[in-house]
C-alpha atoms as a PDB file:
ATOM      1  CA  MET A   1      14.736   5.406   2.876  1.00  0.00           C
ATOM      2  CA  ASN A   2      16.804   8.129   1.727  1.00  0.00           C
ATOM      3  CA  TRP A   3      15.972  11.730   2.160  1.00  0.00           C
ATOM      4  CA  ARG A   4      17.334  15.359   1.809  1.00  0.00           C
ATOM      5  CA  THR A   5      16.800  18.441   3.840  1.00  0.00           C
ATOM      6  CA  VAL A   6      14.540  20.831   2.127  1.00  0.00           C
ATOM      7  CA  ASP A   7      15.910  24.659   1.848  1.00  0.00           C
ATOM      8  CA  MET A   8      12.746  26.243   3.227  1.00  0.00           C
ATOM      9  CA  SER A   9      13.853  29.644   2.567  1.00  0.00           C
ATOM     10  CA  ARG A  10      12.958  29.140  -1.055  1.00  0.00           C
ATOM     11  CA  GLU A  11       9.824  27.339  -0.612  1.00  0.00           C
ATOM     12  CA  SER A  12       6.358  29.101  -1.448  1.00  0.00           C
ATOM     13  CA  ARG A  13       4.696  26.955   1.523  1.00  0.00           C
ATOM     14  CA  ARG A  14       7.274  27.980   4.246  1.00  0.00           C
ATOM     15  CA  ASP A  15       4.575  29.485   6.332  1.00  0.00           C
ATOM     16  CA  GLN A  16       2.555  26.102   6.373  1.00  0.00           C
ATOM     17  CA  PHE A  17       5.507  24.260   7.141  1.00  0.00           C
ATOM     18  CA  ALA A  18       6.323  26.848  10.210  1.00  0.00           C
ATOM     19  CA  TYR A  19       2.714  26.262  11.554  1.00  0.00           C
ATOM     20  CA  PHE A  20       2.754  22.616  11.252  1.00  0.00           C
ATOM     21  CA  GLN A  21       6.333  22.741  13.386  1.00  0.00           C
ATOM     22  CA  THR A  22       4.125  24.370  16.107  1.00  0.00           C
ATOM     23  CA  LEU A  23       1.969  20.907  16.219  1.00  0.00           C
ATOM     24  CA  SER A  24       2.875  18.165  18.557  1.00  0.00           C
ATOM     25  CA  ASN A  25       1.761  15.581  16.034  1.00  0.00           C
ATOM     26  CA  PRO A  26       1.439  17.212  12.639  1.00  0.00           C
ATOM     27  CA  TYR A  27      -0.066  15.426   9.651  1.00  0.00           C
ATOM     28  CA  VAL A  28      -2.132  16.043   6.636  1.00  0.00           C
ATOM     29  CA  GLY A  29      -4.790  13.851   4.934  1.00  0.00           C
ATOM     30  CA  VAL A  30      -5.968  14.102   1.361  1.00  0.00           C
ATOM     31  CA  THR A  31      -9.478  12.949   0.038  1.00  0.00           C
ATOM     32  CA  VAL A  32     -10.078  12.655  -3.793  1.00  0.00           C
ATOM     33  CA  GLN A  33     -12.788  11.179  -5.856  1.00  0.00           C
ATOM     34  CA  VAL A  34     -11.705   8.750  -8.364  1.00  0.00           C
ATOM     35  CA  ASP A  35     -13.411   6.074 -10.570  1.00  0.00           C
ATOM     36  CA  VAL A  36     -12.216   2.629  -9.703  1.00  0.00           C
ATOM     37  CA  THR A  37     -14.716   0.648 -11.929  1.00  0.00           C
ATOM     38  CA  GLU A  38     -11.927  -0.378 -14.152  1.00  0.00           C
ATOM     39  CA  LEU A  39      -9.779  -1.692 -11.232  1.00  0.00           C
ATOM     40  CA  ALA A  40     -12.416  -3.333  -9.703  1.00  0.00           C
ATOM     41  CA  VAL A  41     -13.225  -5.200 -13.014  1.00  0.00           C
ATOM     42  CA  TRP A  42      -9.475  -6.033 -13.484  1.00  0.00           C
ATOM     43  CA  CYS A  43      -9.138  -7.269  -9.852  1.00  0.00           C
ATOM     44  CA  ARG A  44     -12.308  -9.393 -10.138  1.00  0.00           C
ATOM     45  CA  GLU A  45     -11.168 -11.040 -13.428  1.00  0.00           C
ATOM     46  CA  ARG A  46      -7.655 -12.121 -11.998  1.00  0.00           C
ATOM     47  CA  GLY A  47      -8.861 -12.870  -8.504  1.00  0.00           C
ATOM     48  CA  THR A  48      -6.471 -10.235  -7.190  1.00  0.00           C
ATOM     49  CA  SER A  49      -7.419  -8.201  -3.884  1.00  0.00           C
ATOM     50  CA  PHE A  50      -9.141  -4.960  -4.904  1.00  0.00           C
ATOM     51  CA  PHE A  51      -8.040  -3.352  -1.367  1.00  0.00           C
ATOM     52  CA  LEU A  52      -4.298  -4.245  -2.030  1.00  0.00           C
ATOM     53  CA  ALA A  53      -4.744  -2.926  -5.323  1.00  0.00           C
ATOM     54  CA  VAL A  54      -6.499   0.311  -4.410  1.00  0.00           C
ATOM     55  CA  LEU A  55      -3.990   0.705  -1.414  1.00  0.00           C
ATOM     56  CA  TYR A  56      -0.804   0.116  -3.661  1.00  0.00           C
ATOM     57  CA  ALA A  57      -2.165   2.407  -6.332  1.00  0.00           C
ATOM     58  CA  ALA A  58      -3.000   5.147  -3.793  1.00  0.00           C
ATOM     59  CA  VAL A  59       0.520   5.049  -1.956  1.00  0.00           C
ATOM     60  CA  ARG A  60       2.307   5.048  -5.520  1.00  0.00           C
ATOM     61  CA  ALA A  61       0.498   8.091  -6.634  1.00  0.00           C
ATOM     62  CA  ALA A  62       1.276   9.817  -3.347  1.00  0.00           C
ATOM     63  CA  ASN A  63       4.669   9.011  -3.659  1.00  0.00           C
ATOM     64  CA  GLY A  64       4.652  10.749  -7.235  1.00  0.00           C
ATOM     65  CA  VAL A  65       4.019  13.958  -5.286  1.00  0.00           C
ATOM     66  CA  PRO A  66       7.458  15.383  -3.718  1.00  0.00           C
ATOM     67  CA  GLU A  67       5.540  17.476  -1.391  1.00  0.00           C
ATOM     68  CA  LEU A  68       3.463  14.415   0.165  1.00  0.00           C
ATOM     69  CA  ARG A  69       6.952  12.726   0.875  1.00  0.00           C
ATOM     70  CA  ARG A  70       7.976  15.740   3.124  1.00  0.00           C
ATOM     71  CA  ARG A  71       8.159  15.647   6.951  1.00  0.00           C
ATOM     72  CA  ILE A  72       9.309  17.687   9.828  1.00  0.00           C
ATOM     73  CA  ARG A  73      12.412  16.457  11.475  1.00  0.00           C
ATOM     74  CA  GLY A  74      13.357  18.622  14.517  1.00  0.00           C
ATOM     75  CA  ASP A  75      13.742  22.225  13.063  1.00  0.00           C
ATOM     76  CA  GLN A  76      14.179  20.932   9.731  1.00  0.00           C
ATOM     77  CA  VAL A  77      11.762  19.899   6.829  1.00  0.00           C
ATOM     78  CA  VAL A  78      13.113  16.749   5.045  1.00  0.00           C
ATOM     79  CA  GLU A  79      12.083  15.205   1.750  1.00  0.00           C
ATOM     80  CA  TYR A  80      12.272  11.215   1.351  1.00  0.00           C
ATOM     81  CA  ASP A  81      12.790   9.416  -1.763  1.00  0.00           C
ATOM     82  CA  ARG A  82       9.621   7.446  -0.880  1.00  0.00           C
ATOM     83  CA  CYS A  83       7.185   6.814   1.965  1.00  0.00           C
ATOM     84  CA  PRO A  84       5.268   3.853   3.040  1.00  0.00           C
ATOM     85  CA  SER A  85       1.626   4.124   3.668  1.00  0.00           C
ATOM     86  CA  SER A  86       0.131   4.340   7.276  1.00  0.00           C
ATOM     87  CA  HIS A  87      -3.328   3.045   7.391  1.00  0.00           C
ATOM     88  CA  THR A  88      -5.848   1.077   9.738  1.00  0.00           C
ATOM     89  CA  VAL A  89      -7.532  -2.155   9.125  1.00  0.00           C
ATOM     90  CA  ALA A  90     -10.565  -3.356  10.551  1.00  0.00           C
ATOM     91  CA  LEU A  91     -10.289  -6.452  12.389  1.00  0.00           C
ATOM     92  CA  PRO A  92     -12.828  -9.353  12.745  1.00  0.00           C
ATOM     93  CA  ASP A  93     -13.423  -8.545  16.462  1.00  0.00           C
ATOM     94  CA  GLY A  94     -14.198  -4.728  15.891  1.00  0.00           C
ATOM     95  CA  THR A  95     -10.761  -3.578  16.761  1.00  0.00           C
ATOM     96  CA  TYR A  96      -8.276  -2.306  14.499  1.00  0.00           C
ATOM     97  CA  CYS A  97      -4.546  -2.410  13.843  1.00  0.00           C
ATOM     98  CA  TYR A  98      -2.209   0.236  12.222  1.00  0.00           C
ATOM     99  CA  CYS A  99      -0.472  -1.055   9.004  1.00  0.00           C
ATOM    100  CA  SER A 100       2.082  -0.151   6.359  1.00  0.00           C
ATOM    101  CA  LEU A 101       2.766  -0.987   2.945  1.00  0.00           C
ATOM    102  CA  GLU A 102       6.106  -0.614   0.918  1.00  0.00           C
ATOM    103  CA  VAL A 103       5.576   0.146  -2.728  1.00  0.00           C
ATOM    104  CA  ASP A 104       9.007   0.282  -3.912  1.00  0.00           C
ATOM    105  CA  ARG A 105       8.730  -2.473  -6.532  1.00  0.00           C
ATOM    106  CA  PRO A 106       6.323  -2.417  -9.087  1.00  0.00           C
ATOM    107  CA  PHE A 107       3.079  -4.317  -8.739  1.00  0.00           C
ATOM    108  CA  ARG A 108       3.525  -5.558 -12.267  1.00  0.00           C
ATOM    109  CA  GLU A 109       6.113  -7.973 -11.383  1.00  0.00           C
ATOM    110  CA  PHE A 110       3.350 -10.509 -10.215  1.00  0.00           C
ATOM    111  CA  LEU A 111       0.911  -9.625 -13.306  1.00  0.00           C
ATOM    112  CA  PRO A 112       2.390 -12.380 -15.609  1.00  0.00           C
ATOM    113  CA  TYR A 113       1.557 -15.203 -13.289  1.00  0.00           C
ATOM    114  CA  LEU A 114      -1.895 -13.937 -12.179  1.00  0.00           C
ATOM    115  CA  GLY A 115      -4.560 -16.139 -14.004  1.00  0.00           C
ATOM    116  CA  GLN A 116      -2.238 -18.986 -14.500  1.00  0.00           C
ATOM    117  CA  CYS A 117      -2.775 -20.713 -10.988  1.00  0.00           C
ATOM    118  CA  GLN A 118      -4.707 -23.945 -10.966  1.00  0.00           C
ATOM    119  CA  PHE A 119      -7.529 -22.782  -8.484  1.00  0.00           C
ATOM    120  CA  THR A 120      -9.419 -19.266  -9.357  1.00  0.00           C
ATOM    121  CA  SER A 121      -9.320 -18.753  -5.542  1.00  0.00           C
ATOM    122  CA  CYS A 122      -5.645 -19.088  -5.239  1.00  0.00           C
ATOM    123  CA  SER A 123      -4.269 -16.760  -2.358  1.00  0.00           C
ATOM    124  CA  HIS A 124      -0.513 -17.162  -3.696  1.00  0.00           C
ATOM    125  CA  THR A 125       0.514 -18.041  -0.157  1.00  0.00           C
ATOM    126  CA  CYS A 126       0.737 -22.247   0.044  1.00  0.00           C
ATOM    127  CA  GLU A 127      -1.498 -23.600  -2.691  1.00  0.00           C
ATOM    128  CA  LYS A 128      -0.316 -26.510  -4.982  1.00  0.00           C
ATOM    129  CA  GLY A 129      -0.613 -25.150  -8.438  1.00  0.00           C
ATOM    130  CA  CYS A 130      -0.047 -21.576  -7.690  1.00  0.00           C
ATOM    131  CA  ALA A 131       1.872 -20.139 -10.681  1.00  0.00           C
ATOM    132  CA  ILE A 132       3.232 -17.139  -8.209  1.00  0.00           C
ATOM    133  CA  LEU A 133       4.823 -19.766  -5.810  1.00  0.00           C
ATOM    134  CA  GLN A 134       6.232 -21.694  -8.749  1.00  0.00           C
ATOM    135  CA  ALA A 135       8.026 -18.249 -10.064  1.00  0.00           C
ATOM    136  CA  VAL A 136       9.364 -17.689  -6.463  1.00  0.00           C
ATOM    137  CA  GLU A 137      10.952 -21.123  -6.418  1.00  0.00           C
ATOM    138  CA  LYS A 138      12.324 -20.466 -10.130  1.00  0.00           C
ATOM    139  CA  GLY A 139      13.741 -17.022  -8.860  1.00  0.00           C
ATOM    140  CA  GLU A 140      11.645 -15.166 -11.205  1.00  0.00           C
ATOM    141  CA  ILE A 141      10.102 -13.413  -8.449  1.00  0.00           C
ATOM    142  CA  PRO A 142      12.159 -12.379  -5.234  1.00  0.00           C
ATOM    143  CA  ARG A 143      11.713 -14.517  -2.204  1.00  0.00           C
ATOM    144  CA  GLN A 144      11.417 -11.398   0.103  1.00  0.00           C
ATOM    145  CA  ARG A 145       8.996  -9.803  -2.059  1.00  0.00           C
ATOM    146  CA  HIS A 146       6.629 -12.758  -1.752  1.00  0.00           C
ATOM    147  CA  GLU A 147       7.131 -12.994   2.000  1.00  0.00           C
ATOM    148  CA  SER A 148       6.192  -9.419   2.179  1.00  0.00           C
ATOM    149  CA  TYR A 149       3.019 -10.143   0.123  1.00  0.00           C
ATOM    150  CA  CYS A 150       2.296 -13.068   2.492  1.00  0.00           C
ATOM    151  CA  ALA A 151       2.691 -10.875   5.671  1.00  0.00           C
ATOM    152  CA  MET A 152       0.332  -8.244   4.023  1.00  0.00           C
ATOM    153  CA  TYR A 153      -2.086 -11.128   3.083  1.00  0.00           C
ATOM    154  CA  GLN A 154      -2.133 -12.508   6.623  1.00  0.00           C
ATOM    155  CA  GLU A 155      -2.846  -8.898   8.006  1.00  0.00           C
ATOM    156  CA  ILE A 156      -6.052  -8.450   5.829  1.00  0.00           C
ATOM    157  CA  LYS A 157      -7.396 -11.793   4.998  1.00  0.00           C
ATOM    158  CA  ASP A 158      -9.775 -11.941   7.758  1.00  0.00           C
ATOM    159  CA  VAL A 159     -10.932  -8.368   7.081  1.00  0.00           C
ATOM    160  CA  LYS A 160     -12.467  -9.338   3.765  1.00  0.00           C
ATOM    161  CA  GLN A 161     -14.710 -11.974   5.911  1.00  0.00           C
ATOM    162  CA  TRP A 162     -15.793  -9.521   8.526  1.00  0.00           C
ATOM    163  CA  GLN A 163     -16.679  -6.927   5.475  1.00  0.00           C
ATOM    164  CA  GLN A 164     -18.756  -9.750   3.935  1.00  0.00           C
ATOM    165  CA  ARG A 165     -20.680 -10.498   7.419  1.00  0.00           C
ATOM    166  CA  ASN A 166     -21.577  -7.219   7.963  1.00  0.00           C
ATOM    167  CA  LYS A 167     -23.034  -6.572   4.441  1.00  0.00           C
ATOM    168  CA  ASN A 168     -25.831  -8.351   5.426  1.00  0.00           C
ATOM    169  CA  VAL A 169     -26.487  -6.623   8.410  1.00  0.00           C
END
């Protein structure tokens, strides 16, 4: 990730950054209310992970705000060209893990192939008749991008089952 030093003498928020510099572990959280009904329908129709779609959209939106890409490095404030997510994922045993998601490539590169798989429950990781795997083999989707997807899928695939089990509690 590339970054640039921010000249804080010209920034209206310099006092806030000065305060955050005094903290041992400075961070900020943002909470917003968003209607995701259309996204939920879109994911359901295509058999796409709602969790990954929301996470992807949130990280892309946050990266669209330059101030949310700023970090304190020593005595300087720097602004990155992009930042990965930093989130927790609940695990089936009741613990959790820390994960990150890079969203430097558009999600839409997978879109032309969704809904074309032989099976509607396709995870796009190993199934015969998977349109995305075929696109990877043809070089239409970069192999590294698919490997990144598979790593994310492995991290969260059990979370979905755990969430479904607890819905009935």
